[in-house]
Protein backbone atom coordinates (compact mmCIF):
# COMPACT_ATOMS: atom_id res chain seq x y z
CA MET A 1 171.69 137.19 139.24
CA LYS A 2 170.61 134.77 136.56
CA GLN A 3 171.17 131.17 137.45
CA VAL A 4 172.83 128.95 134.87
CA GLN A 5 171.61 125.35 134.96
CA ALA A 6 174.46 122.88 135.00
CA ARG A 7 174.61 120.59 131.99
CA PRO A 8 174.65 116.86 132.72
CA PRO A 9 178.00 115.16 132.33
CA ALA A 10 178.90 113.83 128.89
CA VAL A 11 178.82 110.24 130.13
CA TRP A 12 175.27 110.70 131.37
CA ARG A 13 174.16 112.27 128.08
CA ALA A 14 175.68 109.42 126.07
CA THR A 15 174.07 106.85 128.33
CA SER A 16 170.69 108.54 128.03
CA ARG A 17 170.88 108.62 124.24
CA ALA A 18 171.86 104.95 124.10
CA LEU A 19 169.01 104.00 126.42
CA ALA A 20 166.53 105.99 124.36
CA LEU A 21 167.72 104.36 121.14
CA ALA A 22 167.48 100.91 122.72
CA LEU A 23 163.94 101.58 123.89
CA CYS A 24 162.94 102.79 120.43
CA ALA A 25 164.47 99.72 118.81
CA LEU A 26 162.70 97.48 121.30
CA ALA A 27 159.37 99.18 120.63
CA ILE A 28 159.83 98.69 116.88
CA ALA A 29 160.93 95.04 117.18
CA ALA A 30 158.29 94.02 119.73
CA PRO A 31 155.11 92.90 117.98
CA ALA A 32 151.78 94.37 118.92
CA ARG A 33 149.78 92.30 121.34
CA GLY A 34 148.36 89.28 119.54
CA GLN A 35 150.67 89.66 116.53
CA PRO A 36 153.17 86.90 115.70
CA PRO A 37 156.80 87.75 116.50
CA VAL A 38 159.43 88.13 113.81
CA ILE A 39 162.20 85.69 114.65
CA GLY A 40 165.53 84.84 113.09
CA ALA A 41 165.49 81.07 113.55
CA GLY A 42 166.01 78.92 110.47
CA ALA A 43 162.91 76.91 111.38
CA ALA A 44 160.33 77.18 114.12
CA VAL A 45 156.91 76.00 115.24
CA LEU A 46 154.46 76.71 118.05
CA MET A 47 152.12 73.81 118.87
CA ASP A 48 149.25 73.24 121.27
CA ALA A 49 150.28 70.22 123.33
CA ALA A 50 146.76 68.87 123.83
CA THR A 51 145.54 68.87 120.22
CA GLY A 52 148.67 69.25 118.09
CA ALA A 53 147.23 72.40 116.51
CA VAL A 54 149.96 74.55 114.91
CA LEU A 55 149.81 78.19 116.01
CA TYR A 56 152.99 79.41 114.31
CA ASP A 57 154.99 77.95 111.44
CA GLN A 58 158.31 78.91 109.95
CA ALA A 59 159.75 76.21 107.66
CA MET A 60 158.50 73.69 110.22
CA HIS A 61 158.85 70.67 107.91
CA GLN A 62 162.38 71.49 106.76
CA ARG A 63 164.80 68.65 107.50
CA ARG A 64 167.73 69.89 109.57
CA PRO A 65 170.44 68.66 111.97
CA VAL A 66 168.93 69.02 115.43
CA ALA A 67 171.84 68.24 117.78
CA SER A 68 170.95 67.20 121.34
CA THR A 69 167.22 67.81 120.95
CA THR A 70 167.52 64.25 119.56
CA LYS A 71 167.70 63.12 123.19
CA ILE A 72 163.96 63.75 123.62
CA MET A 73 163.32 60.75 121.37
CA THR A 74 166.06 58.77 123.15
CA ALA A 75 164.32 59.31 126.48
CA LEU A 76 160.90 58.47 125.03
CA VAL A 77 162.07 55.12 123.62
CA ALA A 78 163.88 54.29 126.87
CA LEU A 79 160.83 55.05 129.00
CA GLU A 80 158.68 52.83 126.80
CA SER A 81 161.19 49.96 126.58
CA ALA A 82 162.83 49.57 129.98
CA HIS A 83 162.32 50.14 133.71
CA LEU A 84 163.57 53.17 135.62
CA ASN A 85 165.13 51.00 138.33
CA ASP A 86 167.13 48.92 135.83
CA TYR A 87 170.88 48.95 136.47
CA VAL A 88 172.83 49.85 133.35
CA THR A 89 176.48 48.90 132.90
CA ILE A 90 178.47 51.61 131.13
CA GLY A 91 180.30 50.11 128.14
CA ALA A 92 183.53 51.28 126.53
CA ASP A 93 181.67 52.92 123.63
CA ALA A 94 179.78 55.15 126.09
CA THR A 95 183.05 56.38 127.63
CA GLU A 96 184.70 57.05 124.26
CA VAL A 97 182.02 59.30 122.75
CA LYS A 98 182.63 63.03 123.08
CA SER A 99 180.36 64.14 125.88
CA PRO A 100 179.82 67.19 128.10
CA GLY A 101 179.58 66.90 131.83
CA LEU A 102 179.86 63.43 133.30
CA ASP A 103 182.99 61.35 132.80
CA PHE A 104 181.88 57.74 132.93
CA GLN A 105 184.15 54.84 133.84
CA PRO A 106 183.98 51.56 131.87
CA GLY A 107 182.00 49.03 133.88
CA GLU A 108 180.37 51.69 136.06
CA ARG A 109 176.78 50.91 136.98
CA MET A 110 173.96 53.44 137.25
CA THR A 111 170.19 53.19 137.25
CA LEU A 112 168.35 54.03 134.06
CA ASP A 113 166.56 56.78 135.99
CA ASP A 114 169.85 58.49 136.87
CA LEU A 115 171.11 58.10 133.29
CA LEU A 116 167.95 59.80 132.04
CA ALA A 117 168.68 62.70 134.38
CA ALA A 118 172.20 62.94 132.97
CA LEU A 119 170.78 62.71 129.45
CA LEU A 120 168.10 65.39 129.79
CA LEU A 121 169.67 67.87 132.21
CA LYS A 122 173.39 67.57 131.48
CA SER A 123 172.93 66.47 127.85
CA SER A 124 175.36 63.59 128.34
CA ASN A 125 176.21 61.82 125.09
CA GLY A 126 177.75 58.96 127.06
CA ALA A 127 174.46 58.45 128.87
CA ALA A 128 172.69 58.31 125.50
CA VAL A 129 175.00 55.54 124.27
CA ALA A 130 174.73 53.59 127.53
CA ILE A 131 170.92 53.78 127.36
CA ALA A 132 170.92 52.65 123.72
CA ASP A 133 173.16 49.67 124.50
CA HIS A 134 170.99 48.67 127.45
CA VAL A 135 167.65 48.92 125.62
CA ALA A 136 168.55 47.55 122.18
CA GLY A 137 172.04 46.06 122.42
CA SER A 138 173.69 48.64 120.16
CA VAL A 139 173.42 52.21 118.92
CA THR A 140 172.39 50.97 115.47
CA ALA A 141 169.55 48.82 116.78
CA PHE A 142 168.37 51.58 119.09
CA SER A 143 168.34 54.08 116.21
CA ARG A 144 165.98 51.77 114.36
CA LEU A 145 163.64 51.87 117.35
CA MET A 146 163.82 55.67 117.27
CA ASP A 147 162.85 55.72 113.60
CA GLU A 148 159.96 53.31 114.16
CA ARG A 149 158.63 55.42 117.04
CA ALA A 150 158.95 58.58 114.96
CA ARG A 151 156.88 57.05 112.16
CA SER A 152 154.21 55.95 114.65
CA LEU A 153 153.86 59.58 115.77
CA GLY A 154 153.60 60.90 112.22
CA ALA A 155 157.08 62.44 112.34
CA ALA A 156 157.74 61.92 108.63
CA ASP A 157 160.75 64.24 108.35
CA SER A 158 162.98 62.49 110.88
CA HIS A 159 165.76 59.95 110.54
CA PHE A 160 168.02 59.01 113.43
CA VAL A 161 171.38 57.26 113.26
CA ASN A 162 172.47 57.86 116.86
CA PRO A 163 170.83 58.56 120.24
CA HIS A 164 172.76 61.76 121.09
CA GLY A 165 172.55 64.06 118.07
CA LEU A 166 176.23 64.52 117.23
CA TYR A 167 176.33 65.50 113.58
CA ALA A 168 175.90 62.86 110.89
CA PRO A 169 174.80 63.69 107.33
CA ASP A 170 171.76 61.40 107.44
CA HIS A 171 170.70 62.27 110.99
CA TYR A 172 167.95 64.89 110.91
CA SER A 173 164.53 65.99 112.07
CA SER A 174 162.30 69.05 111.73
CA ALA A 175 160.75 71.64 114.02
CA TYR A 176 157.33 70.07 113.56
CA ASP A 177 158.57 66.53 114.23
CA LEU A 178 160.40 67.60 117.37
CA ALA A 179 157.21 69.21 118.65
CA LEU A 180 155.30 65.96 118.02
CA ILE A 181 157.97 63.91 119.80
CA ALA A 182 158.12 66.32 122.74
CA ARG A 183 154.34 66.36 122.97
CA GLU A 184 154.32 62.57 123.35
CA ALA A 185 157.25 62.47 125.78
CA MET A 186 155.59 65.03 128.07
CA ASN A 187 152.80 62.50 128.68
CA TYR A 188 155.27 60.53 130.82
CA ASP A 189 155.40 61.79 134.40
CA ARG A 190 159.12 61.09 134.90
CA PHE A 191 160.12 62.80 131.67
CA ARG A 192 158.01 65.84 132.51
CA GLU A 193 159.46 65.98 136.01
CA LEU A 194 163.08 65.75 134.86
CA VAL A 195 162.95 68.36 132.07
CA GLY A 196 161.24 70.81 134.41
CA ARG A 197 163.94 70.60 137.11
CA LYS A 198 166.76 73.08 137.41
CA THR A 199 168.95 70.59 139.25
CA ALA A 200 168.95 66.88 140.03
CA GLU A 201 171.10 64.57 142.12
CA VAL A 202 172.24 61.23 140.72
CA ALA A 203 173.86 58.29 142.48
CA ARG A 204 177.25 57.02 141.28
CA PRO A 205 178.15 54.36 143.83
CA ASP A 206 181.09 53.05 141.79
CA VAL A 207 182.77 56.47 141.50
CA ASN A 208 182.04 59.21 143.99
CA GLY A 209 178.73 58.47 145.62
CA LYS A 210 176.50 61.31 144.41
CA GLU A 211 176.65 64.11 141.88
CA THR A 212 174.49 67.20 141.37
CA LEU A 213 173.51 68.09 137.80
CA GLN A 214 172.39 71.50 136.62
CA ASN A 215 169.99 71.78 133.73
CA HIS A 216 171.45 73.26 130.52
CA ASN A 217 168.06 74.79 129.70
CA LYS A 218 168.38 78.30 131.14
CA LEU A 219 164.88 79.19 129.98
CA LEU A 220 163.69 77.59 133.22
CA TRP A 221 165.22 80.56 135.02
CA ARG A 222 163.63 83.13 132.67
CA ALA A 223 159.93 82.47 133.34
CA ASP A 224 158.19 80.52 136.09
CA TYR A 225 155.61 79.04 133.70
CA VAL A 226 158.32 77.36 131.58
CA ASP A 227 158.49 73.62 132.33
CA GLY A 228 161.00 72.18 129.83
CA ILE A 229 162.36 70.78 127.60
CA LYS A 230 165.78 70.45 125.87
CA THR A 231 168.60 72.48 124.34
CA GLY A 232 170.93 71.41 121.54
CA TYR A 233 173.97 72.63 119.67
CA VAL A 234 176.49 71.40 117.15
CA ARG A 235 178.18 73.66 114.62
CA GLU A 236 176.12 72.29 111.76
CA SER A 237 172.76 72.79 113.53
CA GLY A 238 173.28 76.11 115.25
CA GLN A 239 171.57 76.79 118.56
CA CYS A 240 168.38 74.74 119.00
CA LEU A 241 165.72 74.63 121.68
CA VAL A 242 162.51 72.73 122.33
CA ALA A 243 160.59 74.62 125.02
CA SER A 244 157.38 73.98 126.94
CA ALA A 245 155.27 76.33 129.04
CA THR A 246 152.01 75.85 130.91
CA ARG A 247 149.53 78.46 132.08
CA GLN A 248 146.36 77.51 133.95
CA GLY A 249 146.68 73.94 132.73
CA TRP A 250 147.19 74.95 129.09
CA GLN A 251 150.50 73.73 127.64
CA LEU A 252 152.24 75.04 124.52
CA ILE A 253 155.41 73.71 122.88
CA ALA A 254 157.79 75.97 120.95
CA VAL A 255 160.69 74.79 118.79
CA VAL A 256 163.40 77.04 117.35
CA LEU A 257 166.23 75.62 115.24
CA ASP A 258 169.39 77.50 114.26
CA SER A 259 168.29 80.54 116.25
CA PRO A 260 170.39 83.62 117.06
CA ASP A 261 168.56 83.85 120.40
CA THR A 262 166.98 80.56 121.38
CA TYR A 263 165.65 81.65 124.75
CA GLY A 264 164.33 85.02 123.59
CA GLU A 265 162.68 83.64 120.47
CA ALA A 266 161.16 80.60 122.19
CA LEU A 267 159.77 82.83 124.92
CA ALA A 268 158.38 85.26 122.32
CA LEU A 269 156.58 82.39 120.58
CA LEU A 270 155.14 81.06 123.84
CA ASP A 271 153.95 84.50 124.95
CA TYR A 272 152.41 85.06 121.52
CA GLY A 273 150.49 81.82 121.78
CA PHE A 274 149.10 82.60 125.22
CA SER A 275 148.09 86.15 124.20
CA ALA A 276 146.68 85.58 120.69
CA TYR A 277 144.89 82.27 121.32
CA ARG A 278 142.66 80.78 123.96
CA GLN A 279 141.84 77.26 124.99
CA ARG A 280 138.30 75.97 125.31
CA VAL A 281 138.14 72.86 127.48
CA PHE A 282 135.27 70.49 126.72
CA ALA A 283 136.34 67.78 129.17
CA ARG A 284 139.39 66.98 131.22
CA ARG A 285 140.89 63.55 131.62
CA GLY A 286 138.72 61.53 134.01
CA ASP A 287 135.62 63.71 133.52
CA ALA A 288 132.31 61.89 133.03
CA VAL A 289 130.56 63.14 129.89
CA GLY A 290 127.58 60.76 129.90
CA ARG A 291 126.30 57.38 131.03
CA ALA A 292 126.40 54.22 128.91
CA PRO A 293 123.34 51.95 129.21
CA VAL A 294 123.90 48.57 130.86
CA ARG A 295 121.58 45.57 130.47
CA PHE A 296 121.09 43.03 133.26
CA GLY A 297 123.20 45.09 135.66
CA ARG A 298 122.68 46.13 139.27
CA GLU A 299 122.82 49.63 137.80
CA GLY A 300 121.07 50.57 134.60
CA SER A 301 124.02 52.64 133.35
CA VAL A 302 127.68 53.38 133.99
CA PRO A 303 129.59 56.71 133.95
CA ALA A 304 131.50 57.24 130.68
CA VAL A 305 134.75 59.07 131.50
CA CYS A 306 137.29 60.54 129.12
CA GLN A 307 140.56 58.65 128.78
CA GLN A 308 142.24 61.94 127.83
CA GLY A 309 141.32 65.60 127.90
CA LEU A 310 139.33 67.19 125.09
CA ALA A 311 140.04 70.81 124.27
CA GLN A 312 140.11 73.16 121.31
CA VAL A 313 142.36 76.13 120.67
CA LEU A 314 140.58 79.16 119.25
CA GLY A 315 142.26 82.04 117.47
CA PRO A 316 143.67 83.33 114.16
CA GLY A 317 143.73 80.78 111.35
CA LEU A 318 141.99 78.04 113.33
CA PRO A 319 138.47 76.59 112.95
CA ALA A 320 135.57 78.22 114.76
CA ALA A 321 134.33 76.78 118.03
CA GLY A 322 133.35 73.16 117.63
CA GLN A 323 130.91 70.83 119.35
CA LEU A 324 131.37 67.80 121.57
CA GLN A 325 129.91 64.64 120.04
CA ILE A 326 129.44 61.59 122.27
CA SER A 327 128.83 58.04 121.03
CA LEU A 328 127.92 55.41 123.64
CA LYS A 329 127.41 51.70 123.06
CA PRO A 330 124.98 49.54 125.06
CA MET A 331 126.77 47.23 127.48
CA THR A 332 125.77 43.92 129.05
CA ALA A 333 126.69 43.24 132.67
CA PRO A 334 129.13 42.45 134.07
CA VAL A 335 131.07 45.56 132.97
CA ALA A 336 134.68 45.94 134.15
CA ARG A 337 135.97 49.29 135.34
CA ARG A 338 137.79 51.09 132.49
CA ALA A 339 136.09 48.97 129.83
CA VAL A 340 135.60 50.94 126.61
CA VAL A 341 132.00 52.15 126.47
CA GLY A 342 132.18 54.70 123.66
CA GLU A 343 133.99 57.64 122.12
CA ALA A 344 133.90 61.43 122.41
CA ARG A 345 134.98 63.76 119.61
CA ILE A 346 135.27 67.47 119.04
CA LEU A 347 133.88 68.35 115.62
CA ALA A 348 135.03 71.63 114.09
CA GLY A 349 135.24 72.74 110.50
CA GLY A 350 133.60 69.54 109.33
CA LYS A 351 136.16 67.18 110.86
CA ALA A 352 137.16 65.66 114.17
CA ILE A 353 139.99 67.72 115.65
CA ALA A 354 140.28 65.69 118.87
CA ARG A 355 138.93 62.41 120.15
CA SER A 356 139.05 60.27 123.26
CA GLU A 357 137.87 56.80 124.16
CA LEU A 358 135.24 56.75 126.90
CA LEU A 359 135.87 54.27 129.70
CA ALA A 360 133.58 52.81 132.33
CA GLY A 361 134.07 54.84 135.48
CA GLU A 362 133.10 51.98 137.75
CA GLN A 363 132.41 48.26 137.78
CA VAL A 364 128.85 47.09 137.21
CA MET A 365 127.92 43.61 138.44
CA ARG A 366 125.00 41.57 137.18
CA SER A 367 121.72 42.14 139.03
CA ARG A 368 120.78 39.59 141.70
CA LEU A 369 117.60 38.80 139.80
CA VAL A 370 119.59 38.02 136.68
CA VAL A 371 122.05 35.92 138.68
CA ALA A 372 119.17 34.02 140.29
CA ALA A 373 117.54 33.54 136.90
CA THR A 374 120.82 32.34 135.51
CA TRP A 375 120.90 29.58 138.11
CA ALA A 376 117.16 28.90 138.03
CA VAL A 377 116.71 28.43 134.30
CA PRO A 378 118.92 25.32 134.02
CA VAL A 379 117.33 23.81 137.14
CA VAL A 380 113.81 24.45 135.86
CA ALA A 381 114.78 23.03 132.49
CA LEU A 382 116.21 19.96 134.17
CA LEU A 383 113.11 19.45 136.30
CA ALA A 384 110.85 19.98 133.30
CA GLY A 385 112.86 17.45 131.34
CA ALA A 386 112.65 14.99 134.20
CA ALA A 387 108.88 15.49 134.45
CA VAL A 388 108.48 14.90 130.74
CA GLY A 389 110.59 11.76 131.06
CA VAL A 390 108.53 10.45 133.98
CA ARG A 391 105.27 11.05 132.11
CA ALA A 392 106.62 9.38 129.00
CA GLY A 393 107.81 6.40 131.03
CA ALA A 394 104.48 6.04 132.82
CA LYS A 395 102.60 6.20 129.54
CA LEU A 396 104.86 3.55 128.04
CA VAL A 397 104.23 1.20 130.99
CA LYS A 398 100.50 1.82 130.79
CA ASN A 399 100.40 1.04 127.04
CA ARG A 400 102.29 -2.21 127.56
CA ARG A 401 99.80 -3.32 130.17
CA ARG A 402 96.92 -2.62 127.81
CA ARG A 403 98.48 -4.66 125.03
CA ARG A 404 99.00 -7.60 127.36
CA ARG A 405 95.32 -7.67 128.41
CA ARG A 406 94.18 -7.85 124.77
CA LEU A 407 96.34 -10.89 123.82
CA PRO A 408 94.82 -14.54 124.15
CA PRO A 409 96.18 -16.90 126.77
CA GLN A 410 99.36 -18.67 125.75
CA GLY A 411 100.71 -22.24 126.58
CA ASN A 412 97.31 -24.29 127.26
CA GLY A 413 97.57 -26.56 124.11
CA ALA A 414 94.48 -25.06 122.50
CA GLY A 415 94.52 -23.77 118.97
CA PRO A 416 92.07 -21.45 117.33
CA ASN A 417 89.71 -24.37 116.47
CA GLY A 418 89.80 -26.22 119.72
CA PRO A 419 92.13 -28.63 121.54
CA SER A 420 95.07 -30.04 119.68
CA LEU A 421 94.93 -33.79 118.74
CA CYS A 422 98.59 -34.63 118.43
């Protein structure tokens, strides 16, 4: 008897077709290895954190509302202007601003460190206002500090009127500027630690003792090499994300603004950067790249160490591999540890793409011979001067004696022609 094979149930057939279509769509949408992804964000950038090299650009200089990604600059200014153990008193303006998460009480006191945790993990607008009041006395004055710091970083397409990012017509930044600001902020250990944490506990002694905060940035759960940084959303900005990821010591920063899928698109940019580009490290921070000559020292030279790492990103659209150029200046002992002894640069495409001051890796004291000579020279000079003085004095006395012997006797009443006849 001929066997008839049972047909799969209709539900299974429909599911299979849907899965097949999804896989086909994914294969079409996914870029080939090393090819830039096609993303739907209004503006985006992918930047190498060490050099600032741009690896991907989509309207990166376009000025846009950036919502709570503003708080990266708020934290940077706070870290550079105040102390983490400062106690901050929460003012009425901080409790009145619309804010997710923490409900502050007027007069409540918290450390600046705990407020930064609330700012960066919970995206607390109240914490932003309290920090601004503490650092600068008012939101307006603090916003001026934010603008000044942005200009110092070369963030020319940014203007801040508040520390939290709630929409205001003249409050804006760009994907490129946010990457620059994030790049600078990630140099601070406490900032880097906070934005990379999934949770943090803060002390609220005036309210309920302690409170656990969960990070709004869910990208930290998507990939273990992601280490920050900040989400943002208001209706006018759309969904925004500044993301950081590090592989084998190489850090990239991705920014997507007004994105239909912030996490997916930021991750696609980061993965593209790590697959299409490579990092060539010339020297890491603290590496000695030469020895600066030292005169009159116990040592004839001193290690010249890099103040910051020197690396170059190689890949599509970037200059060919460069060369490390080292300039050392002769030093005279004593030389203090960390004194500037020169400069190192990476030259590529006819220009310097990275540079670092070179610092003395150790202290160099004057040689004992030089120290002895330093003491001996004045003494010898003094003795020589004294000897010259003694000789001059003796000669003067001798000359006087000679003159006295040549003169005729005085006081015997005799003139030149014989005795006087008065």
